Amino acid sequence: MAELTILHNYRCSTSRAALTAIEEAGLDVQVVRYLDTPLLEPALLDLLDILRDSPSDLVRRDETFTELGLSEDDVQTKEQVAAVLAEHPKLMQRPVLIADEVAIIGRPKDRVPAFLDEISD
């Protein structure tokens, strides 16, 4: 069984749904509330190295993104994404599930059960 970590925002319904799915699957999980304990740039770079999604997908394009004056040009490389998320952790997509040196963004919600099945084998 893989060691499972979730980068979690308890205010996010998608993140809460992922945590519920993990618990219902009977899996042990380390919960990291990344807004309370933000990831530093080196940890973000490590995460991006194992992320199945493109680095740019890890950045939320919401009101905060716009208010900060960010554009697509600011989040094209792993290094840019890590720098932006280290400075503004609120912009990180959630949840992020990590197991066996693989990470996914758990959005949309249907990605989570497939990932849990994969790591449970």
PDB file of N, CA and C in Angstrom:
ATOM      1  N   MET A   1       0.850  -1.185   0.000  1.00  0.00           N
ATOM      2  CA  MET A   1       0.000   0.000   0.000  1.00  0.00           C
ATOM      3  C   MET A   1       0.888   1.239   0.000  1.00  0.00           C
ATOM      4  N   ALA A   2       0.556   2.155  -0.852  1.00  0.00           N
ATOM      5  CA  ALA A   2       1.323   3.389  -0.980  1.00  0.00           C
ATOM      6  C   ALA A   2       1.029   4.325   0.183  1.00  0.00           C
ATOM      7  N   GLU A   3       2.033   5.099   0.557  1.00  0.00           N
ATOM      8  CA  GLU A   3       1.812   6.168   1.522  1.00  0.00           C
ATOM      9  C   GLU A   3       1.106   7.292   0.778  1.00  0.00           C
ATOM     10  N   LEU A   4       0.022   7.775   1.339  1.00  0.00           N
ATOM     11  CA  LEU A   4      -0.827   8.756   0.668  1.00  0.00           C
ATOM     12  C   LEU A   4      -0.825  10.074   1.428  1.00  0.00           C
ATOM     13  N   THR A   5      -0.671  11.151   0.679  1.00  0.00           N
ATOM     14  CA  THR A   5      -0.727  12.499   1.240  1.00  0.00           C
ATOM     15  C   THR A   5      -1.734  13.294   0.425  1.00  0.00           C
ATOM     16  N   ILE A   6      -2.500  14.133   1.110  1.00  0.00           N
ATOM     17  CA  ILE A   6      -3.400  15.053   0.419  1.00  0.00           C
ATOM     18  C   ILE A   6      -3.040  16.474   0.835  1.00  0.00           C
ATOM     19  N   LEU A   7      -2.832  17.322  -0.163  1.00  0.00           N
ATOM     20  CA  LEU A   7      -2.683  18.754   0.092  1.00  0.00           C
ATOM     21  C   LEU A   7      -4.100  19.288   0.090  1.00  0.00           C
ATOM     22  N   HIS A   8      -4.555  19.706   1.238  1.00  0.00           N
ATOM     23  CA  HIS A   8      -5.982  19.889   1.520  1.00  0.00           C
ATOM     24  C   HIS A   8      -6.312  21.320   1.936  1.00  0.00           C
ATOM     25  N   ASN A   9      -7.454  21.779   1.449  1.00  0.00           N
ATOM     26  CA  ASN A   9      -8.049  23.045   1.898  1.00  0.00           C
ATOM     27  C   ASN A   9      -9.437  22.699   2.392  1.00  0.00           C
ATOM     28  N   TYR A  10      -9.630  22.744   3.711  1.00  0.00           N
ATOM     29  CA  TYR A  10     -10.900  22.320   4.292  1.00  0.00           C
ATOM     30  C   TYR A  10     -12.071  23.192   3.853  1.00  0.00           C
ATOM     31  N   ARG A  11     -11.815  24.366   3.316  1.00  0.00           N
ATOM     32  CA  ARG A  11     -12.896  25.245   2.852  1.00  0.00           C
ATOM     33  C   ARG A  11     -13.410  24.855   1.464  1.00  0.00           C
ATOM     34  N   CYS A  12     -12.676  23.999   0.776  1.00  0.00           N
ATOM     35  CA  CYS A  12     -12.998  23.622  -0.599  1.00  0.00           C
ATOM     36  C   CYS A  12     -13.826  22.335  -0.606  1.00  0.00           C
ATOM     37  N   SER A  13     -14.986  22.374  -1.239  1.00  0.00           N
ATOM     38  CA  SER A  13     -15.853  21.192  -1.265  1.00  0.00           C
ATOM     39  C   SER A  13     -15.206  20.041  -2.045  1.00  0.00           C
ATOM     40  N   THR A  14     -14.463  20.335  -3.090  1.00  0.00           N
ATOM     41  CA  THR A  14     -13.802  19.282  -3.854  1.00  0.00           C
ATOM     42  C   THR A  14     -12.716  18.618  -3.010  1.00  0.00           C
ATOM     43  N   SER A  15     -12.007  19.404  -2.245  1.00  0.00           N
ATOM     44  CA  SER A  15     -10.972  18.867  -1.365  1.00  0.00           C
ATOM     45  C   SER A  15     -11.604  18.031  -0.252  1.00  0.00           C
ATOM     46  N   ARG A  16     -12.691  18.503   0.310  1.00  0.00           N
ATOM     47  CA  ARG A  16     -13.390  17.731   1.344  1.00  0.00           C
ATOM     48  C   ARG A  16     -13.922  16.422   0.775  1.00  0.00           C
ATOM     49  N   ALA A  17     -14.439  16.451  -0.453  1.00  0.00           N
ATOM     50  CA  ALA A  17     -14.953  15.240  -1.092  1.00  0.00           C
ATOM     51  C   ALA A  17     -13.830  14.223  -1.300  1.00  0.00           C
ATOM     52  N   ALA A  18     -12.649  14.690  -1.681  1.00  0.00           N
ATOM     53  CA  ALA A  18     -11.511  13.794  -1.862  1.00  0.00           C
ATOM     54  C   ALA A  18     -11.115  13.148  -0.540  1.00  0.00           C
ATOM     55  N   LEU A  19     -11.096  13.925   0.522  1.00  0.00           N
ATOM     56  CA  LEU A  19     -10.742  13.389   1.831  1.00  0.00           C
ATOM     57  C   LEU A  19     -11.773  12.357   2.276  1.00  0.00           C
ATOM     58  N   THR A  20     -13.036  12.623   2.023  1.00  0.00           N
ATOM     59  CA  THR A  20     -14.095  11.662   2.348  1.00  0.00           C
ATOM     60  C   THR A  20     -13.906  10.371   1.557  1.00  0.00           C
ATOM     61  N   ALA A  21     -13.590  10.484   0.273  1.00  0.00           N
ATOM     62  CA  ALA A  21     -13.370   9.299  -0.561  1.00  0.00           C
ATOM     63  C   ALA A  21     -12.198   8.468  -0.032  1.00  0.00           C
ATOM     64  N   ILE A  22     -11.157   9.129   0.405  1.00  0.00           N
ATOM     65  CA  ILE A  22      -9.989   8.445   0.967  1.00  0.00           C
ATOM     66  C   ILE A  22     -10.387   7.700   2.235  1.00  0.00           C
ATOM     67  N   GLU A  23     -11.120   8.376   3.106  1.00  0.00           N
ATOM     68  CA  GLU A  23     -11.545   7.768   4.361  1.00  0.00           C
ATOM     69  C   GLU A  23     -12.484   6.598   4.103  1.00  0.00           C
ATOM     70  N   GLU A  24     -13.410   6.755   3.153  1.00  0.00           N
ATOM     71  CA  GLU A  24     -14.349   5.675   2.828  1.00  0.00           C
ATOM     72  C   GLU A  24     -13.629   4.479   2.216  1.00  0.00           C
ATOM     73  N   ALA A  25     -12.508   4.721   1.556  1.00  0.00           N
ATOM     74  CA  ALA A  25     -11.714   3.630   0.984  1.00  0.00           C
ATOM     75  C   ALA A  25     -10.873   2.930   2.059  1.00  0.00           C
ATOM     76  N   GLY A  26     -10.898   3.490   3.273  1.00  0.00           N
ATOM     77  CA  GLY A  26     -10.159   2.892   4.374  1.00  0.00           C
ATOM     78  C   GLY A  26      -8.658   3.083   4.292  1.00  0.00           C
ATOM     79  N   LEU A  27      -8.239   4.113   3.574  1.00  0.00           N
ATOM     80  CA  LEU A  27      -6.813   4.373   3.403  1.00  0.00           C
ATOM     81  C   LEU A  27      -6.300   5.344   4.456  1.00  0.00           C
ATOM     82  N   ASP A  28      -5.082   5.102   4.883  1.00  0.00           N
ATOM     83  CA  ASP A  28      -4.416   6.044   5.773  1.00  0.00           C
ATOM     84  C   ASP A  28      -3.908   7.200   4.928  1.00  0.00           C
ATOM     85  N   VAL A  29      -4.017   8.386   5.462  1.00  0.00           N
ATOM     86  CA  VAL A  29      -3.612   9.558   4.704  1.00  0.00           C
ATOM     87  C   VAL A  29      -2.976  10.584   5.630  1.00  0.00           C
ATOM     88  N   GLN A  30      -1.960  11.218   5.125  1.00  0.00           N
ATOM     89  CA  GLN A  30      -1.386  12.364   5.815  1.00  0.00           C
ATOM     90  C   GLN A  30      -2.045  13.603   5.205  1.00  0.00           C
ATOM     91  N   VAL A  31      -2.690  14.396   6.038  1.00  0.00           N
ATOM     92  CA  VAL A  31      -3.366  15.604   5.570  1.00  0.00           C
ATOM     93  C   VAL A  31      -2.454  16.797   5.806  1.00  0.00           C
ATOM     94  N   VAL A  32      -2.155  17.505   4.725  1.00  0.00           N
ATOM     95  CA  VAL A  32      -1.337  18.712   4.807  1.00  0.00           C
ATOM     96  C   VAL A  32      -2.219  19.888   4.431  1.00  0.00           C
ATOM     97  N   ARG A  33      -2.506  20.724   5.404  1.00  0.00           N
ATOM     98  CA  ARG A  33      -3.295  21.931   5.143  1.00  0.00           C
ATOM     99  C   ARG A  33      -2.321  22.997   4.639  1.00  0.00           C
ATOM    100  N   TYR A  34      -2.173  23.026   3.336  1.00  0.00           N
ATOM    101  CA  TYR A  34      -1.110  23.811   2.704  1.00  0.00           C
ATOM    102  C   TYR A  34      -1.283  25.314   2.876  1.00  0.00           C
ATOM    103  N   LEU A  35      -2.455  25.777   3.250  1.00  0.00           N
ATOM    104  CA  LEU A  35      -2.600  27.213   3.519  1.00  0.00           C
ATOM    105  C   LEU A  35      -2.051  27.550   4.908  1.00  0.00           C
ATOM    106  N   ASP A  36      -2.116  26.580   5.826  1.00  0.00           N
ATOM    107  CA  ASP A  36      -1.557  26.773   7.168  1.00  0.00           C
ATOM    108  C   ASP A  36      -0.049  26.538   7.177  1.00  0.00           C
ATOM    109  N   THR A  37       0.399  25.603   6.355  1.00  0.00           N
ATOM    110  CA  THR A  37       1.812  25.270   6.243  1.00  0.00           C
ATOM    111  C   THR A  37       2.172  25.275   4.762  1.00  0.00           C
ATOM    112  N   PRO A  38       2.399  26.455   4.202  1.00  0.00           N
ATOM    113  CA  PRO A  38       2.670  26.549   2.763  1.00  0.00           C
ATOM    114  C   PRO A  38       3.935  25.800   2.360  1.00  0.00           C
ATOM    115  N   LEU A  39       3.897  25.251   1.166  1.00  0.00           N
ATOM    116  CA  LEU A  39       5.068  24.582   0.614  1.00  0.00           C
ATOM    117  C   LEU A  39       6.056  25.642   0.136  1.00  0.00           C
ATOM    118  N   LEU A  40       7.327  25.378   0.391  1.00  0.00           N
ATOM    119  CA  LEU A  40       8.380  26.261  -0.088  1.00  0.00           C
ATOM    120  C   LEU A  40       8.722  25.879  -1.524  1.00  0.00           C
ATOM    121  N   GLU A  41       9.427  26.754  -2.195  1.00  0.00           N
ATOM    122  CA  GLU A  41       9.751  26.544  -3.609  1.00  0.00           C
ATOM    123  C   GLU A  41      10.398  25.186  -3.891  1.00  0.00           C
ATOM    124  N   PRO A  42      11.383  24.738  -3.107  1.00  0.00           N
ATOM    125  CA  PRO A  42      11.971  23.423  -3.402  1.00  0.00           C
ATOM    126  C   PRO A  42      10.953  22.286  -3.319  1.00  0.00           C
ATOM    127  N   ALA A  43      10.070  22.333  -2.335  1.00  0.00           N
ATOM    128  CA  ALA A  43       9.042  21.294  -2.210  1.00  0.00           C
ATOM    129  C   ALA A  43       8.059  21.364  -3.373  1.00  0.00           C
ATOM    130  N   LEU A  44       7.731  22.561  -3.805  1.00  0.00           N
ATOM    131  CA  LEU A  44       6.845  22.715  -4.962  1.00  0.00           C
ATOM    132  C   LEU A  44       7.499  22.179  -6.228  1.00  0.00           C
ATOM    133  N   LEU A  45       8.781  22.422  -6.399  1.00  0.00           N
ATOM    134  CA  LEU A  45       9.490  21.882  -7.561  1.00  0.00           C
ATOM    135  C   LEU A  45       9.491  20.356  -7.534  1.00  0.00           C
ATOM    136  N   ASP A  46       9.689  19.778  -6.348  1.00  0.00           N
ATOM    137  CA  ASP A  46       9.624  18.315  -6.217  1.00  0.00           C
ATOM    138  C   ASP A  46       8.232  17.805  -6.583  1.00  0.00           C
ATOM    139  N   LEU A  47       7.205  18.489  -6.113  1.00  0.00           N
ATOM    140  CA  LEU A  47       5.832  18.112  -6.440  1.00  0.00           C
ATOM    141  C   LEU A  47       5.595  18.186  -7.946  1.00  0.00           C
ATOM    142  N   LEU A  48       6.040  19.250  -8.561  1.00  0.00           N
ATOM    143  CA  LEU A  48       5.845  19.421 -10.003  1.00  0.00           C
ATOM    144  C   LEU A  48       6.575  18.361 -10.807  1.00  0.00           C
ATOM    145  N   ASP A  49       7.677  17.839 -10.266  1.00  0.00           N
ATOM    146  CA  ASP A  49       8.416  16.779 -10.952  1.00  0.00           C
ATOM    147  C   ASP A  49       7.612  15.481 -11.045  1.00  0.00           C
ATOM    148  N   ILE A  50       6.701  15.253 -10.096  1.00  0.00           N
ATOM    149  CA  ILE A  50       5.936  14.001 -10.090  1.00  0.00           C
ATOM    150  C   ILE A  50       4.473  14.195 -10.474  1.00  0.00           C
ATOM    151  N   LEU A  51       4.085  15.428 -10.731  1.00  0.00           N
ATOM    152  CA  LEU A  51       2.691  15.736 -11.066  1.00  0.00           C
ATOM    153  C   LEU A  51       2.361  15.225 -12.468  1.00  0.00           C
ATOM    154  N   ARG A  52       1.291  14.470 -12.577  1.00  0.00           N
ATOM    155  CA  ARG A  52       0.866  13.952 -13.881  1.00  0.00           C
ATOM    156  C   ARG A  52       0.271  15.050 -14.764  1.00  0.00           C
ATOM    157  N   ASP A  53      -0.165  16.099 -14.152  1.00  0.00           N
ATOM    158  CA  ASP A  53      -0.743  17.219 -14.885  1.00  0.00           C
ATOM    159  C   ASP A  53       0.372  18.184 -15.276  1.00  0.00           C
ATOM    160  N   SER A  54       0.063  19.097 -16.179  1.00  0.00           N
ATOM    161  CA  SER A  54       1.080  20.074 -16.546  1.00  0.00           C
ATOM    162  C   SER A  54       1.300  21.028 -15.372  1.00  0.00           C
ATOM    163  N   PRO A  55       2.510  21.536 -15.224  1.00  0.00           N
ATOM    164  CA  PRO A  55       2.780  22.447 -14.108  1.00  0.00           C
ATOM    165  C   PRO A  55       1.789  23.603 -14.040  1.00  0.00           C
ATOM    166  N   SER A  56       1.461  24.163 -15.172  1.00  0.00           N
ATOM    167  CA  SER A  56       0.550  25.303 -15.211  1.00  0.00           C
ATOM    168  C   SER A  56      -0.836  24.970 -14.652  1.00  0.00           C
ATOM    169  N   ASP A  57      -1.244  23.693 -14.760  1.00  0.00           N
ATOM    170  CA  ASP A  57      -2.560  23.282 -14.254  1.00  0.00           C
ATOM    171  C   ASP A  57      -2.670  23.405 -12.740  1.00  0.00           C
ATOM    172  N   LEU A  58      -1.545  23.452 -12.047  1.00  0.00           N
ATOM    173  CA  LEU A  58      -1.563  23.535 -10.589  1.00  0.00           C
ATOM    174  C   LEU A  58      -1.965  24.926 -10.091  1.00  0.00           C
ATOM    175  N   VAL A  59      -2.013  25.897 -10.988  1.00  0.00           N
ATOM    176  CA  VAL A  59      -2.327  27.281 -10.609  1.00  0.00           C
ATOM    177  C   VAL A  59      -3.786  27.588 -10.929  1.00  0.00           C
ATOM    178  N   ARG A  60      -4.501  28.032  -9.922  1.00  0.00           N
ATOM    179  CA  ARG A  60      -5.896  28.450 -10.097  1.00  0.00           C
ATOM    180  C   ARG A  60      -5.933  29.794 -10.819  1.00  0.00           C
ATOM    181  N   ARG A  61      -6.804  29.887 -11.796  1.00  0.00           N
ATOM    182  CA  ARG A  61      -7.015  31.158 -12.502  1.00  0.00           C
ATOM    183  C   ARG A  61      -8.296  31.776 -11.961  1.00  0.00           C
ATOM    184  N   ASP A  62      -8.206  32.365 -10.798  1.00  0.00           N
ATOM    185  CA  ASP A  62      -9.389  32.941 -10.159  1.00  0.00           C
ATOM    186  C   ASP A  62      -9.217  34.451 -10.001  1.00  0.00           C
ATOM    187  N   GLU A  63     -10.066  35.018  -9.202  1.00  0.00           N
ATOM    188  CA  GLU A  63     -10.037  36.472  -8.978  1.00  0.00           C
ATOM    189  C   GLU A  63      -8.690  36.920  -8.409  1.00  0.00           C
ATOM    190  N   THR A  64      -8.133  36.131  -7.493  1.00  0.00           N
ATOM    191  CA  THR A  64      -6.842  36.482  -6.901  1.00  0.00           C
ATOM    192  C   THR A  64      -5.747  36.514  -7.971  1.00  0.00           C
ATOM    193  N   PHE A  65      -5.756  35.550  -8.871  1.00  0.00           N
ATOM    194  CA  PHE A  65      -4.798  35.492  -9.966  1.00  0.00           C
ATOM    195  C   PHE A  65      -4.839  36.800 -10.756  1.00  0.00           C
ATOM    196  N   THR A  66      -6.046  37.236 -11.072  1.00  0.00           N
ATOM    197  CA  THR A  66      -6.238  38.472 -11.837  1.00  0.00           C
ATOM    198  C   THR A  66      -5.822  39.693 -11.022  1.00  0.00           C
ATOM    199  N   GLU A  67      -6.250  39.733  -9.752  1.00  0.00           N
ATOM    200  CA  GLU A  67      -5.917  40.875  -8.896  1.00  0.00           C
ATOM    201  C   GLU A  67      -4.411  41.047  -8.715  1.00  0.00           C
ATOM    202  N   LEU A  68      -3.686  39.934  -8.734  1.00  0.00           N
ATOM    203  CA  LEU A  68      -2.229  39.997  -8.583  1.00  0.00           C
ATOM    204  C   LEU A  68      -1.538  40.434  -9.872  1.00  0.00           C
ATOM    205  N   GLY A  69      -2.323  40.589 -10.926  1.00  0.00           N
ATOM    206  CA  GLY A  69      -1.763  41.020 -12.202  1.00  0.00           C
ATOM    207  C   GLY A  69      -1.013  39.915 -12.929  1.00  0.00           C
ATOM    208  N   LEU A  70      -1.316  38.664 -12.575  1.00  0.00           N
ATOM    209  CA  LEU A  70      -0.647  37.540 -13.210  1.00  0.00           C
ATOM    210  C   LEU A  70      -1.292  37.224 -14.551  1.00  0.00           C
ATOM    211  N   SER A  71      -0.506  36.625 -15.430  1.00  0.00           N
ATOM    212  CA  SER A  71      -1.007  36.200 -16.732  1.00  0.00           C
ATOM    213  C   SER A  71      -0.483  34.799 -17.020  1.00  0.00           C
ATOM    214  N   GLU A  72      -0.940  34.223 -18.101  1.00  0.00           N
ATOM    215  CA  GLU A  72      -0.475  32.893 -18.506  1.00  0.00           C
ATOM    216  C   GLU A  72       1.041  32.864 -18.679  1.00  0.00           C
ATOM    217  N   ASP A  73       1.611  33.967 -19.102  1.00  0.00           N
ATOM    218  CA  ASP A  73       3.065  34.035 -19.289  1.00  0.00           C
ATOM    219  C   ASP A  73       3.831  33.864 -17.974  1.00  0.00           C
ATOM    220  N   ASP A  74       3.153  34.098 -16.847  1.00  0.00           N
ATOM    221  CA  ASP A  74       3.800  34.007 -15.538  1.00  0.00           C
ATOM    222  C   ASP A  74       3.826  32.591 -14.973  1.00  0.00           C
ATOM    223  N   VAL A  75       3.115  31.652 -15.604  1.00  0.00           N
ATOM    224  CA  VAL A  75       2.986  30.305 -15.035  1.00  0.00           C
ATOM    225  C   VAL A  75       3.186  29.219 -16.096  1.00  0.00           C
ATOM    226  N   GLN A  76       4.172  29.402 -16.947  1.00  0.00           N
ATOM    227  CA  GLN A  76       4.419  28.438 -18.021  1.00  0.00           C
ATOM    228  C   GLN A  76       5.427  27.354 -17.653  1.00  0.00           C
ATOM    229  N   THR A  77       6.409  27.666 -16.850  1.00  0.00           N
ATOM    230  CA  THR A  77       7.443  26.689 -16.505  1.00  0.00           C
ATOM    231  C   THR A  77       7.261  26.219 -15.064  1.00  0.00           C
ATOM    232  N   LYS A  78       7.905  25.089 -14.748  1.00  0.00           N
ATOM    233  CA  LYS A  78       7.872  24.582 -13.371  1.00  0.00           C
ATOM    234  C   LYS A  78       8.418  25.629 -12.414  1.00  0.00           C
ATOM    235  N   GLU A  79       9.499  26.276 -12.816  1.00  0.00           N
ATOM    236  CA  GLU A  79      10.122  27.266 -11.942  1.00  0.00           C
ATOM    237  C   GLU A  79       9.195  28.455 -11.684  1.00  0.00           C
ATOM    238  N   GLN A  80       8.514  28.907 -12.716  1.00  0.00           N
ATOM    239  CA  GLN A  80       7.565  30.016 -12.552  1.00  0.00           C
ATOM    240  C   GLN A  80       6.413  29.602 -11.639  1.00  0.00           C
ATOM    241  N   VAL A  81       5.869  28.422 -11.876  1.00  0.00           N
ATOM    242  CA  VAL A  81       4.742  27.945 -11.064  1.00  0.00           C
ATOM    243  C   VAL A  81       5.161  27.820  -9.608  1.00  0.00           C
ATOM    244  N   ALA A  82       6.326  27.235  -9.361  1.00  0.00           N
ATOM    245  CA  ALA A  82       6.804  27.086  -7.981  1.00  0.00           C
ATOM    246  C   ALA A  82       6.980  28.444  -7.310  1.00  0.00           C
ATOM    247  N   ALA A  83       7.521  29.399  -8.026  1.00  0.00           N
ATOM    248  CA  ALA A  83       7.723  30.739  -7.452  1.00  0.00           C
ATOM    249  C   ALA A  83       6.388  31.409  -7.131  1.00  0.00           C
ATOM    250  N   VAL A  84       5.437  31.322  -8.053  1.00  0.00           N
ATOM    251  CA  VAL A  84       4.124  31.943  -7.830  1.00  0.00           C
ATOM    252  C   VAL A  84       3.409  31.289  -6.651  1.00  0.00           C
ATOM    253  N   LEU A  85       3.415  29.944  -6.596  1.00  0.00           N
ATOM    254  CA  LEU A  85       2.696  29.253  -5.519  1.00  0.00           C
ATOM    255  C   LEU A  85       3.390  29.397  -4.166  1.00  0.00           C
ATOM    256  N   ALA A  86       4.706  29.526  -4.163  1.00  0.00           N
ATOM    257  CA  ALA A  86       5.410  29.752  -2.898  1.00  0.00           C
ATOM    258  C   ALA A  86       5.021  31.105  -2.324  1.00  0.00           C
ATOM    259  N   GLU A  87       4.850  32.072  -3.193  1.00  0.00           N
ATOM    260  CA  GLU A  87       4.477  33.419  -2.741  1.00  0.00           C
ATOM    261  C   GLU A  87       2.981  33.547  -2.484  1.00  0.00           C
ATOM    262  N   HIS A  88       2.178  32.785  -3.233  1.00  0.00           N
ATOM    263  CA  HIS A  88       0.713  32.897  -3.135  1.00  0.00           C
ATOM    264  C   HIS A  88       0.094  31.499  -3.077  1.00  0.00           C
ATOM    265  N   PRO A  89       0.223  30.796  -1.935  1.00  0.00           N
ATOM    266  CA  PRO A  89      -0.273  29.418  -1.846  1.00  0.00           C
ATOM    267  C   PRO A  89      -1.780  29.293  -2.102  1.00  0.00           C
ATOM    268  N   LYS A  90      -2.490  30.375  -1.911  1.00  0.00           N
ATOM    269  CA  LYS A  90      -3.939  30.377  -2.149  1.00  0.00           C
ATOM    270  C   LYS A  90      -4.269  30.047  -3.612  1.00  0.00           C
ATOM    271  N   LEU A  91      -3.309  30.240  -4.510  1.00  0.00           N
ATOM    272  CA  LEU A  91      -3.539  29.997  -5.926  1.00  0.00           C
ATOM    273  C   LEU A  91      -3.376  28.526  -6.324  1.00  0.00           C
ATOM    274  N   MET A  92      -2.996  27.661  -5.381  1.00  0.00           N
ATOM    275  CA  MET A  92      -2.786  26.263  -5.748  1.00  0.00           C
ATOM    276  C   MET A  92      -4.118  25.533  -5.902  1.00  0.00           C
ATOM    277  N   GLN A  93      -4.227  24.777  -6.997  1.00  0.00           N
ATOM    278  CA  GLN A  93      -5.394  23.922  -7.193  1.00  0.00           C
ATOM    279  C   GLN A  93      -5.461  22.941  -6.034  1.00  0.00           C
ATOM    280  N   ARG A  94      -6.662  22.537  -5.709  1.00  0.00           N
ATOM    281  CA  ARG A  94      -6.832  21.566  -4.636  1.00  0.00           C
ATOM    282  C   ARG A  94      -8.000  20.665  -4.975  1.00  0.00           C
ATOM    283  N   PRO A  95      -7.885  19.475  -4.435  1.00  0.00           N
ATOM    284  CA  PRO A  95      -6.795  18.898  -3.655  1.00  0.00           C
ATOM    285  C   PRO A  95      -5.705  18.352  -4.569  1.00  0.00           C
ATOM    286  N   VAL A  96      -4.569  18.087  -3.967  1.00  0.00           N
ATOM    287  CA  VAL A  96      -3.498  17.380  -4.662  1.00  0.00           C
ATOM    288  C   VAL A  96      -3.260  16.103  -3.865  1.00  0.00           C
ATOM    289  N   LEU A  97      -3.271  14.973  -4.558  1.00  0.00           N
ATOM    290  CA  LEU A  97      -3.022  13.681  -3.935  1.00  0.00           C
ATOM    291  C   LEU A  97      -1.660  13.185  -4.385  1.00  0.00           C
ATOM    292  N   ILE A  98      -0.893  12.678  -3.426  1.00  0.00           N
ATOM    293  CA  ILE A  98       0.482  12.232  -3.698  1.00  0.00           C
ATOM    294  C   ILE A  98       0.657  10.823  -3.133  1.00  0.00           C
ATOM    295  N   ALA A  99       1.149   9.918  -3.982  1.00  0.00           N
ATOM    296  CA  ALA A  99       1.448   8.547  -3.544  1.00  0.00           C
ATOM    297  C   ALA A  99       2.424   7.923  -4.526  1.00  0.00           C
ATOM    298  N   ASP A 100       3.350   7.131  -3.998  1.00  0.00           N
ATOM    299  CA  ASP A 100       4.287   6.390  -4.857  1.00  0.00           C
ATOM    300  C   ASP A 100       4.989   7.274  -5.871  1.00  0.00           C
ATOM    301  N   GLU A 101       5.431   8.428  -5.447  1.00  0.00           N
ATOM    302  CA  GLU A 101       6.152   9.330  -6.352  1.00  0.00           C
ATOM    303  C   GLU A 101       5.327   9.751  -7.564  1.00  0.00           C
ATOM    304  N   VAL A 102       4.015   9.812  -7.354  1.00  0.00           N
ATOM    305  CA  VAL A 102       3.088  10.295  -8.373  1.00  0.00           C
ATOM    306  C   VAL A 102       2.113  11.228  -7.681  1.00  0.00           C
ATOM    307  N   ALA A 103       1.769  12.312  -8.371  1.00  0.00           N
ATOM    308  CA  ALA A 103       0.793  13.261  -7.819  1.00  0.00           C
ATOM    309  C   ALA A 103      -0.222  13.609  -8.896  1.00  0.00           C
ATOM    310  N   ILE A 104      -1.453  13.838  -8.440  1.00  0.00           N
ATOM    311  CA  ILE A 104      -2.501  14.314  -9.338  1.00  0.00           C
ATOM    312  C   ILE A 104      -3.243  15.461  -8.671  1.00  0.00           C
ATOM    313  N   ILE A 105      -3.848  16.271  -9.493  1.00  0.00           N
ATOM    314  CA  ILE A 105      -4.807  17.254  -9.005  1.00  0.00           C
ATOM    315  C   ILE A 105      -6.143  16.529  -8.959  1.00  0.00           C
ATOM    316  N   GLY A 106      -6.789  16.531  -7.826  1.00  0.00           N
ATOM    317  CA  GLY A 106      -8.037  15.797  -7.636  1.00  0.00           C
ATOM    318  C   GLY A 106      -9.254  16.559  -8.118  1.00  0.00           C
ATOM    319  N   ARG A 107      -9.144  17.125  -9.261  1.00  0.00           N
ATOM    320  CA  ARG A 107     -10.202  17.928  -9.863  1.00  0.00           C
ATOM    321  C   ARG A 107     -10.207  17.584 -11.343  1.00  0.00           C
ATOM    322  N   PRO A 108     -11.299  17.189 -11.924  1.00  0.00           N
ATOM    323  CA  PRO A 108     -12.612  17.008 -11.312  1.00  0.00           C
ATOM    324  C   PRO A 108     -12.627  15.826 -10.336  1.00  0.00           C
ATOM    325  N   LYS A 109     -13.686  15.779  -9.554  1.00  0.00           N
ATOM    326  CA  LYS A 109     -13.783  14.814  -8.454  1.00  0.00           C
ATOM    327  C   LYS A 109     -13.623  13.374  -8.905  1.00  0.00           C
ATOM    328  N   ASP A 110     -14.008  13.052 -10.118  1.00  0.00           N
ATOM    329  CA  ASP A 110     -13.953  11.655 -10.567  1.00  0.00           C
ATOM    330  C   ASP A 110     -12.526  11.138 -10.771  1.00  0.00           C
ATOM    331  N   ARG A 111     -11.549  12.002 -10.718  1.00  0.00           N
ATOM    332  CA  ARG A 111     -10.147  11.560 -10.815  1.00  0.00           C
ATOM    333  C   ARG A 111      -9.692  10.868  -9.530  1.00  0.00           C
ATOM    334  N   VAL A 112     -10.302  11.225  -8.407  1.00  0.00           N
ATOM    335  CA  VAL A 112      -9.847  10.716  -7.112  1.00  0.00           C
ATOM    336  C   VAL A 112     -10.072   9.210  -6.970  1.00  0.00           C
ATOM    337  N   PRO A 113     -11.283   8.680  -7.202  1.00  0.00           N
ATOM    338  CA  PRO A 113     -11.470   7.225  -7.041  1.00  0.00           C
ATOM    339  C   PRO A 113     -10.544   6.400  -7.936  1.00  0.00           C
ATOM    340  N   ALA A 114     -10.327   6.835  -9.164  1.00  0.00           N
ATOM    341  CA  ALA A 114      -9.439   6.101 -10.071  1.00  0.00           C
ATOM    342  C   ALA A 114      -8.010   6.076  -9.521  1.00  0.00           C
ATOM    343  N   PHE A 115      -7.559   7.198  -8.980  1.00  0.00           N
ATOM    344  CA  PHE A 115      -6.220   7.263  -8.406  1.00  0.00           C
ATOM    345  C   PHE A 115      -6.125   6.371  -7.167  1.00  0.00           C
ATOM    346  N   LEU A 116      -7.153   6.397  -6.333  1.00  0.00           N
ATOM    347  CA  LEU A 116      -7.150   5.556  -5.119  1.00  0.00           C
ATOM    348  C   LEU A 116      -7.132   4.084  -5.505  1.00  0.00           C
ATOM    349  N   ASP A 117      -7.874   3.697  -6.525  1.00  0.00           N
ATOM    350  CA  ASP A 117      -7.842   2.307  -7.000  1.00  0.00           C
ATOM    351  C   ASP A 117      -6.446   1.931  -7.469  1.00  0.00           C
ATOM    352  N   GLU A 118      -5.829   2.839  -8.182  1.00  0.00           N
ATOM    353  CA  GLU A 118      -4.488   2.596  -8.737  1.00  0.00           C
ATOM    354  C   GLU A 118      -3.460   2.357  -7.630  1.00  0.00           C
ATOM    355  N   ILE A 119      -3.508   3.172  -6.592  1.00  0.00           N
ATOM    356  CA  ILE A 119      -2.498   3.048  -5.536  1.00  0.00           C
ATOM    357  C   ILE A 119      -2.819   1.956  -4.544  1.00  0.00           C
ATOM    358  N   SER A 120      -4.046   1.445  -4.560  1.00  0.00           N
ATOM    359  CA  SER A 120      -4.442   0.395  -3.629  1.00  0.00           C
ATOM    360  C   SER A 120      -4.018  -0.982  -4.104  1.00  0.00           C
ATOM    361  N   ASP A 121      -3.680  -1.105  -5.365  1.00  0.00           N
ATOM    362  CA  ASP A 121      -3.295  -2.419  -5.925  1.00  0.00           C
ATOM    363  C   ASP A 121      -1.973  -2.891  -5.399  1.00  0.00           C
TER     364      ASP A 121
END
